[in-house]
């Protein structure tokens, strides 16, 4: 499982022109990608890491600040671009594997007390984001 975590002063995701998820105040925007061998334990571990990362002002975490989190599924985090110009998506897990794990990640954040908003899995989404800092981190359950 891969997640890109961005500290954001604002962020939203829209589908067909309608906002489906947004940060009600400064917080984190998290893009989540799933590969074939990911597990619910990976989702749980990464959710805990994201929630407690000390990347907000004053080296505080989203947990410390009760900062909101906007989570968007992002299969393209597993793009393989080593050959040619057309990315391969073979490392990205199919929907029956990935959707429940993205849901598990969101559920794990909510269990920890996070206010979480999301995009719509598999939809053509448009994102708006003001990255604060900028601060962007890549976390991977494989390492």
N, C-alpha and C. Protein backbone atom coordinates (compact mmCIF):
# COMPACT_ATOMS: atom_id res chain seq x y z
N UNK A 1 0.87 -1.16 0.00
CA UNK A 1 0.00 0.00 0.00
C UNK A 1 0.91 1.22 0.00
N UNK A 2 0.58 2.17 -0.83
CA UNK A 2 1.31 3.44 -0.88
C UNK A 2 0.35 4.58 -0.58
N UNK A 3 0.84 5.53 0.20
CA UNK A 3 0.06 6.74 0.44
C UNK A 3 0.95 7.95 0.25
N UNK A 4 0.40 8.95 -0.39
CA UNK A 4 1.04 10.25 -0.50
C UNK A 4 0.27 11.16 0.46
N UNK A 5 1.00 11.72 1.41
CA UNK A 5 0.40 12.58 2.44
C UNK A 5 0.84 14.02 2.17
N UNK A 6 -0.13 14.91 2.07
CA UNK A 6 0.17 16.32 1.82
C UNK A 6 -0.47 17.18 2.90
N UNK A 7 0.35 18.02 3.51
CA UNK A 7 -0.20 18.99 4.46
C UNK A 7 -0.88 20.06 3.61
N UNK A 8 -2.13 20.35 3.92
CA UNK A 8 -2.91 21.23 3.05
C UNK A 8 -3.65 22.29 3.85
N UNK A 9 -3.64 23.52 3.32
CA UNK A 9 -4.47 24.56 3.94
C UNK A 9 -5.90 24.45 3.46
N UNK A 10 -6.09 23.82 2.27
CA UNK A 10 -7.43 23.53 1.78
C UNK A 10 -7.34 22.41 0.75
N UNK A 11 -8.44 21.73 0.55
CA UNK A 11 -8.48 20.67 -0.45
C UNK A 11 -9.91 20.20 -0.65
N UNK A 12 -10.19 19.78 -1.88
CA UNK A 12 -11.51 19.24 -2.18
C UNK A 12 -11.41 18.30 -3.37
N UNK A 13 -12.41 17.45 -3.50
CA UNK A 13 -12.51 16.55 -4.64
C UNK A 13 -13.93 16.64 -5.17
N UNK A 14 -14.03 16.73 -6.50
CA UNK A 14 -15.34 16.86 -7.17
C UNK A 14 -15.54 15.75 -8.17
N UNK A 15 -16.79 15.38 -8.37
CA UNK A 15 -17.18 14.42 -9.39
C UNK A 15 -18.33 15.06 -10.16
N UNK A 16 -18.18 15.16 -11.47
CA UNK A 16 -19.19 15.76 -12.35
C UNK A 16 -19.61 17.14 -11.86
N UNK A 17 -18.62 17.93 -11.41
CA UNK A 17 -18.87 19.30 -10.99
C UNK A 17 -19.39 19.49 -9.58
N UNK A 18 -19.66 18.39 -8.87
CA UNK A 18 -20.17 18.49 -7.50
C UNK A 18 -19.08 18.09 -6.51
N UNK A 19 -18.88 18.91 -5.49
CA UNK A 19 -17.90 18.58 -4.45
C UNK A 19 -18.44 17.39 -3.65
N UNK A 20 -17.63 16.32 -3.57
CA UNK A 20 -18.04 15.12 -2.83
C UNK A 20 -17.25 14.97 -1.53
N UNK A 21 -16.15 15.69 -1.39
CA UNK A 21 -15.36 15.65 -0.17
C UNK A 21 -14.46 16.86 -0.11
N UNK A 22 -14.27 17.40 1.10
CA UNK A 22 -13.40 18.57 1.24
C UNK A 22 -12.88 18.66 2.67
N UNK A 23 -11.81 19.40 2.82
CA UNK A 23 -11.28 19.69 4.14
C UNK A 23 -12.06 20.87 4.71
N UNK A 24 -12.73 20.72 5.84
CA UNK A 24 -13.45 21.85 6.44
C UNK A 24 -12.51 22.87 7.09
N UNK A 25 -11.26 22.47 7.30
CA UNK A 25 -10.23 23.34 7.86
C UNK A 25 -8.89 22.75 7.44
N UNK A 26 -7.78 23.44 7.68
CA UNK A 26 -6.48 22.87 7.28
C UNK A 26 -6.28 21.47 7.85
N UNK A 27 -5.66 20.61 7.05
CA UNK A 27 -5.44 19.23 7.47
C UNK A 27 -4.54 18.50 6.50
N UNK A 28 -4.90 17.26 6.20
CA UNK A 28 -4.10 16.40 5.33
C UNK A 28 -4.92 15.92 4.15
N UNK A 29 -4.29 15.91 2.98
CA UNK A 29 -4.85 15.24 1.81
C UNK A 29 -4.01 13.99 1.61
N UNK A 30 -4.68 12.84 1.52
CA UNK A 30 -3.99 11.56 1.43
C UNK A 30 -4.47 10.80 0.20
N UNK A 31 -3.54 10.50 -0.70
CA UNK A 31 -3.82 9.67 -1.86
C UNK A 31 -3.42 8.25 -1.51
N UNK A 32 -4.28 7.27 -1.78
CA UNK A 32 -4.05 5.89 -1.36
C UNK A 32 -4.05 4.97 -2.57
N UNK A 33 -2.95 4.22 -2.73
CA UNK A 33 -2.85 3.21 -3.77
C UNK A 33 -2.67 1.84 -3.15
N UNK A 34 -3.24 0.82 -3.78
CA UNK A 34 -3.21 -0.54 -3.25
C UNK A 34 -2.62 -1.47 -4.30
N UNK A 35 -1.75 -2.38 -3.85
CA UNK A 35 -1.20 -3.41 -4.73
C UNK A 35 -1.74 -4.78 -4.31
N UNK A 36 -1.43 -5.79 -5.07
CA UNK A 36 -2.06 -7.11 -4.95
C UNK A 36 -1.91 -7.79 -3.59
N UNK A 37 -0.77 -7.64 -2.93
CA UNK A 37 -0.55 -8.38 -1.69
C UNK A 37 -0.79 -7.55 -0.43
N UNK A 38 -1.41 -6.39 -0.56
CA UNK A 38 -1.71 -5.58 0.61
C UNK A 38 -2.79 -6.24 1.46
N UNK A 39 -2.78 -5.91 2.75
CA UNK A 39 -3.72 -6.52 3.69
C UNK A 39 -4.39 -5.44 4.54
N UNK A 40 -5.40 -5.85 5.29
CA UNK A 40 -6.06 -4.93 6.22
C UNK A 40 -5.07 -4.45 7.28
N UNK A 41 -4.10 -5.29 7.64
CA UNK A 41 -3.07 -4.88 8.61
C UNK A 41 -2.23 -3.74 8.05
N UNK A 42 -1.94 -3.77 6.74
CA UNK A 42 -1.21 -2.66 6.11
C UNK A 42 -2.01 -1.37 6.19
N UNK A 43 -3.31 -1.47 5.92
CA UNK A 43 -4.19 -0.30 5.97
C UNK A 43 -4.21 0.27 7.39
N UNK A 44 -4.32 -0.58 8.36
CA UNK A 44 -4.35 -0.17 9.77
C UNK A 44 -3.05 0.53 10.17
N UNK A 45 -1.94 -0.08 9.82
CA UNK A 45 -0.61 0.46 10.18
C UNK A 45 -0.36 1.82 9.52
N UNK A 46 -0.70 1.93 8.23
CA UNK A 46 -0.48 3.20 7.54
C UNK A 46 -1.44 4.28 8.04
N UNK A 47 -2.66 3.92 8.36
CA UNK A 47 -3.59 4.91 8.92
C UNK A 47 -3.05 5.45 10.23
N UNK A 48 -2.52 4.58 11.07
CA UNK A 48 -1.95 5.03 12.34
C UNK A 48 -0.76 5.96 12.10
N UNK A 49 0.07 5.60 11.14
CA UNK A 49 1.25 6.42 10.82
C UNK A 49 0.82 7.81 10.33
N UNK A 50 -0.13 7.85 9.39
CA UNK A 50 -0.62 9.12 8.86
C UNK A 50 -1.20 9.99 9.98
N UNK A 51 -2.03 9.39 10.82
CA UNK A 51 -2.72 10.13 11.88
C UNK A 51 -1.74 10.72 12.90
N UNK A 52 -0.61 10.05 13.10
CA UNK A 52 0.33 10.49 14.13
C UNK A 52 1.60 11.15 13.59
N UNK A 53 1.72 11.28 12.27
CA UNK A 53 2.89 11.96 11.69
C UNK A 53 2.96 13.40 12.19
N UNK A 54 4.10 13.80 12.63
CA UNK A 54 4.26 15.15 13.18
C UNK A 54 4.71 16.10 12.06
N UNK A 55 3.77 16.40 11.16
CA UNK A 55 4.10 17.25 10.00
C UNK A 55 3.29 18.55 9.97
N UNK A 56 2.47 18.78 10.97
CA UNK A 56 1.74 20.04 11.04
C UNK A 56 2.60 21.07 11.76
N UNK A 57 2.15 22.30 11.80
CA UNK A 57 2.92 23.38 12.44
C UNK A 57 3.30 22.99 13.86
N UNK A 58 4.50 23.37 14.25
CA UNK A 58 4.97 23.08 15.59
C UNK A 58 5.26 21.62 15.84
N UNK A 59 5.53 20.88 14.76
CA UNK A 59 5.80 19.44 14.84
C UNK A 59 4.67 18.68 15.53
N UNK A 60 3.46 19.07 15.19
CA UNK A 60 2.28 18.40 15.75
C UNK A 60 1.67 17.50 14.68
N UNK A 61 0.87 16.55 15.13
CA UNK A 61 0.23 15.60 14.22
C UNK A 61 -1.23 15.97 14.00
N UNK A 62 -1.84 15.31 13.03
CA UNK A 62 -3.28 15.48 12.82
C UNK A 62 -4.03 15.04 14.08
N UNK A 63 -3.53 14.01 14.75
CA UNK A 63 -4.14 13.55 16.00
C UNK A 63 -4.07 14.63 17.07
N UNK A 64 -2.92 15.30 17.18
CA UNK A 64 -2.75 16.36 18.17
C UNK A 64 -3.72 17.52 17.93
N UNK A 65 -3.93 17.84 16.66
CA UNK A 65 -4.71 19.01 16.27
C UNK A 65 -6.17 18.69 15.91
N UNK A 66 -6.53 17.42 15.92
CA UNK A 66 -7.85 16.99 15.41
C UNK A 66 -8.07 17.53 14.00
N UNK A 67 -7.01 17.49 13.21
CA UNK A 67 -7.06 18.00 11.83
C UNK A 67 -7.82 17.03 10.93
N UNK A 68 -8.62 17.53 10.02
CA UNK A 68 -9.36 16.66 9.10
C UNK A 68 -8.45 16.03 8.06
N UNK A 69 -8.94 14.94 7.47
CA UNK A 69 -8.19 14.21 6.45
C UNK A 69 -9.11 13.97 5.25
N UNK A 70 -8.61 14.30 4.08
CA UNK A 70 -9.31 14.03 2.82
C UNK A 70 -8.58 12.87 2.15
N UNK A 71 -9.26 11.73 1.99
CA UNK A 71 -8.66 10.53 1.42
C UNK A 71 -9.23 10.28 0.03
N UNK A 72 -8.33 10.06 -0.93
CA UNK A 72 -8.74 9.80 -2.31
C UNK A 72 -7.98 8.58 -2.82
N UNK A 73 -8.70 7.60 -3.35
CA UNK A 73 -8.07 6.42 -3.93
C UNK A 73 -7.29 6.83 -5.18
N UNK A 74 -6.13 6.21 -5.37
CA UNK A 74 -5.24 6.65 -6.45
C UNK A 74 -4.43 5.45 -6.96
N UNK A 75 -5.02 4.65 -7.86
CA UNK A 75 -4.33 3.47 -8.37
C UNK A 75 -3.05 3.84 -9.12
N UNK A 76 -2.95 5.06 -9.61
CA UNK A 76 -1.78 5.46 -10.40
C UNK A 76 -0.50 5.53 -9.56
N UNK A 77 -0.61 5.42 -8.23
CA UNK A 77 0.60 5.38 -7.40
C UNK A 77 1.41 4.12 -7.68
N UNK A 78 0.80 3.14 -8.33
CA UNK A 78 1.50 1.91 -8.70
C UNK A 78 1.82 1.84 -10.19
N UNK A 79 1.92 2.98 -10.84
CA UNK A 79 2.30 3.00 -12.26
C UNK A 79 3.74 2.54 -12.42
N UNK A 80 3.99 1.75 -13.44
CA UNK A 80 5.34 1.34 -13.80
C UNK A 80 5.69 2.06 -15.10
N UNK A 81 6.66 2.94 -15.04
CA UNK A 81 7.03 3.75 -16.21
C UNK A 81 8.43 3.43 -16.71
N UNK A 82 8.96 2.27 -16.31
CA UNK A 82 10.34 1.93 -16.69
C UNK A 82 10.50 1.64 -18.17
N UNK A 83 9.45 1.15 -18.84
CA UNK A 83 9.56 0.82 -20.26
C UNK A 83 8.62 1.70 -21.08
N UNK A 84 9.14 2.26 -22.13
CA UNK A 84 8.32 3.02 -23.05
C UNK A 84 7.73 4.28 -22.45
N UNK A 85 6.66 4.76 -23.07
CA UNK A 85 6.01 5.99 -22.64
C UNK A 85 4.62 5.77 -22.07
N UNK A 86 4.13 4.55 -22.17
CA UNK A 86 2.79 4.25 -21.65
C UNK A 86 2.95 3.52 -20.32
N UNK A 87 2.43 4.10 -19.23
CA UNK A 87 2.54 3.42 -17.93
C UNK A 87 1.81 2.09 -17.92
N UNK A 88 2.37 1.15 -17.18
CA UNK A 88 1.69 -0.12 -16.91
C UNK A 88 1.03 -0.01 -15.55
N UNK A 89 -0.17 -0.55 -15.44
CA UNK A 89 -0.90 -0.51 -14.17
C UNK A 89 -0.96 -1.89 -13.53
N UNK A 90 -0.13 -2.83 -13.98
CA UNK A 90 -0.19 -4.21 -13.50
C UNK A 90 0.01 -4.34 -11.99
N UNK A 91 0.76 -3.45 -11.38
CA UNK A 91 1.02 -3.55 -9.94
C UNK A 91 -0.16 -3.04 -9.10
N UNK A 92 -1.07 -2.31 -9.71
CA UNK A 92 -2.24 -1.81 -8.99
C UNK A 92 -3.25 -2.94 -8.83
N UNK A 93 -3.74 -3.10 -7.61
CA UNK A 93 -4.73 -4.15 -7.34
C UNK A 93 -6.06 -3.81 -8.01
N UNK A 94 -6.79 -4.83 -8.45
CA UNK A 94 -8.12 -4.58 -9.04
C UNK A 94 -9.10 -4.13 -7.96
N UNK A 95 -10.19 -3.56 -8.41
CA UNK A 95 -11.20 -3.01 -7.51
C UNK A 95 -11.64 -3.96 -6.39
N UNK A 96 -11.91 -5.25 -6.66
CA UNK A 96 -12.36 -6.12 -5.57
C UNK A 96 -11.34 -6.26 -4.43
N UNK A 97 -10.07 -6.02 -4.72
CA UNK A 97 -9.03 -6.05 -3.70
C UNK A 97 -8.83 -4.66 -3.10
N UNK A 98 -8.73 -3.66 -3.96
CA UNK A 98 -8.33 -2.33 -3.51
C UNK A 98 -9.43 -1.54 -2.79
N UNK A 99 -10.65 -1.62 -3.27
CA UNK A 99 -11.71 -0.82 -2.65
C UNK A 99 -11.91 -1.16 -1.17
N UNK A 100 -11.98 -2.45 -0.79
CA UNK A 100 -12.13 -2.75 0.64
C UNK A 100 -10.94 -2.28 1.47
N UNK A 101 -9.74 -2.25 0.89
CA UNK A 101 -8.57 -1.81 1.65
C UNK A 101 -8.53 -0.29 1.80
N UNK A 102 -8.98 0.43 0.79
CA UNK A 102 -9.10 1.89 0.94
C UNK A 102 -10.16 2.18 2.00
N UNK A 103 -11.26 1.44 1.98
CA UNK A 103 -12.29 1.60 3.01
C UNK A 103 -11.75 1.27 4.39
N UNK A 104 -10.90 0.24 4.48
CA UNK A 104 -10.29 -0.13 5.77
C UNK A 104 -9.37 0.97 6.27
N UNK A 105 -8.63 1.61 5.37
CA UNK A 105 -7.76 2.72 5.72
C UNK A 105 -8.59 3.88 6.29
N UNK A 106 -9.67 4.22 5.59
CA UNK A 106 -10.57 5.29 6.05
C UNK A 106 -11.18 4.92 7.41
N UNK A 107 -11.63 3.68 7.53
CA UNK A 107 -12.22 3.23 8.79
C UNK A 107 -11.23 3.28 9.94
N UNK A 108 -9.99 2.92 9.68
CA UNK A 108 -8.96 2.96 10.72
C UNK A 108 -8.70 4.39 11.17
N UNK A 109 -8.71 5.34 10.24
CA UNK A 109 -8.56 6.75 10.62
C UNK A 109 -9.73 7.20 11.48
N UNK A 110 -10.93 6.84 11.06
CA UNK A 110 -12.13 7.25 11.81
C UNK A 110 -12.14 6.62 13.21
N UNK A 111 -11.69 5.39 13.32
CA UNK A 111 -11.62 4.73 14.63
C UNK A 111 -10.70 5.49 15.57
N UNK A 112 -9.68 6.12 15.02
CA UNK A 112 -8.73 6.90 15.82
C UNK A 112 -9.26 8.30 16.15
N UNK A 113 -10.43 8.63 15.63
CA UNK A 113 -11.04 9.92 15.93
C UNK A 113 -10.94 10.96 14.84
N UNK A 114 -10.44 10.56 13.68
CA UNK A 114 -10.27 11.52 12.58
C UNK A 114 -11.60 11.86 11.91
N UNK A 115 -11.74 13.15 11.54
CA UNK A 115 -12.82 13.56 10.64
C UNK A 115 -12.28 13.28 9.24
N UNK A 116 -12.88 12.33 8.53
CA UNK A 116 -12.39 11.92 7.22
C UNK A 116 -13.46 12.17 6.18
N UNK A 117 -13.05 12.80 5.09
CA UNK A 117 -13.91 12.91 3.91
C UNK A 117 -13.19 12.19 2.79
N UNK A 118 -13.94 11.77 1.77
CA UNK A 118 -13.36 10.96 0.71
C UNK A 118 -13.85 11.39 -0.66
N UNK A 119 -13.14 10.89 -1.66
CA UNK A 119 -13.64 10.96 -3.03
C UNK A 119 -14.58 9.78 -3.23
N UNK A 120 -14.86 9.46 -4.49
CA UNK A 120 -15.70 8.32 -4.83
C UNK A 120 -14.83 7.31 -5.56
N UNK A 121 -14.71 6.13 -5.01
CA UNK A 121 -13.83 5.11 -5.57
C UNK A 121 -14.16 4.85 -7.03
N UNK A 122 -13.15 4.89 -7.88
CA UNK A 122 -13.29 4.58 -9.29
C UNK A 122 -13.88 5.67 -10.15
N UNK A 123 -14.28 6.79 -9.55
CA UNK A 123 -14.88 7.88 -10.32
C UNK A 123 -13.79 8.72 -10.98
N UNK A 124 -14.18 9.44 -12.01
CA UNK A 124 -13.31 10.45 -12.62
C UNK A 124 -13.41 11.68 -11.72
N UNK A 125 -12.36 11.94 -10.95
CA UNK A 125 -12.40 13.00 -9.94
C UNK A 125 -11.49 14.15 -10.33
N UNK A 126 -11.88 15.34 -9.92
CA UNK A 126 -11.05 16.52 -10.05
C UNK A 126 -10.70 16.99 -8.64
N UNK A 127 -9.42 17.21 -8.42
CA UNK A 127 -8.97 17.61 -7.09
C UNK A 127 -8.47 19.04 -7.10
N UNK A 128 -8.72 19.71 -6.01
CA UNK A 128 -8.19 21.05 -5.76
C UNK A 128 -7.42 20.95 -4.45
N UNK A 129 -6.23 21.54 -4.43
CA UNK A 129 -5.39 21.40 -3.25
C UNK A 129 -4.47 22.61 -3.13
N UNK A 130 -4.38 23.15 -1.92
CA UNK A 130 -3.36 24.13 -1.62
C UNK A 130 -2.42 23.45 -0.63
N UNK A 131 -1.27 23.00 -1.15
CA UNK A 131 -0.29 22.31 -0.34
C UNK A 131 0.40 23.34 0.54
N UNK A 132 0.45 23.08 1.83
CA UNK A 132 0.99 24.00 2.82
C UNK A 132 2.43 23.64 3.12
N UNK A 133 3.34 24.50 2.79
CA UNK A 133 4.76 24.28 3.09
C UNK A 133 5.66 24.51 1.89
N UNK A 134 5.62 23.74 0.88
CA UNK A 134 4.84 22.52 0.71
C UNK A 134 5.44 21.35 1.49
N UNK A 135 4.56 20.51 1.99
CA UNK A 135 4.96 19.28 2.67
C UNK A 135 4.24 18.13 1.99
N UNK A 136 5.02 17.20 1.42
CA UNK A 136 4.48 16.02 0.75
C UNK A 136 5.37 14.84 1.09
N UNK A 137 4.77 13.77 1.59
CA UNK A 137 5.52 12.57 1.97
C UNK A 137 4.93 11.34 1.28
N UNK A 138 5.81 10.38 0.94
CA UNK A 138 5.39 9.11 0.39
C UNK A 138 5.65 8.04 1.43
N UNK A 139 4.60 7.31 1.80
CA UNK A 139 4.72 6.19 2.74
C UNK A 139 4.37 4.91 1.97
N UNK A 140 5.10 3.84 2.27
CA UNK A 140 4.90 2.58 1.58
C UNK A 140 4.92 1.46 2.60
N UNK A 141 3.92 0.60 2.58
CA UNK A 141 3.86 -0.51 3.54
C UNK A 141 4.96 -1.53 3.29
N UNK A 142 5.56 -1.51 2.10
CA UNK A 142 6.62 -2.46 1.79
C UNK A 142 7.97 -2.05 2.38
N UNK A 143 8.07 -0.85 2.89
CA UNK A 143 9.38 -0.44 3.39
C UNK A 143 9.32 0.57 4.37
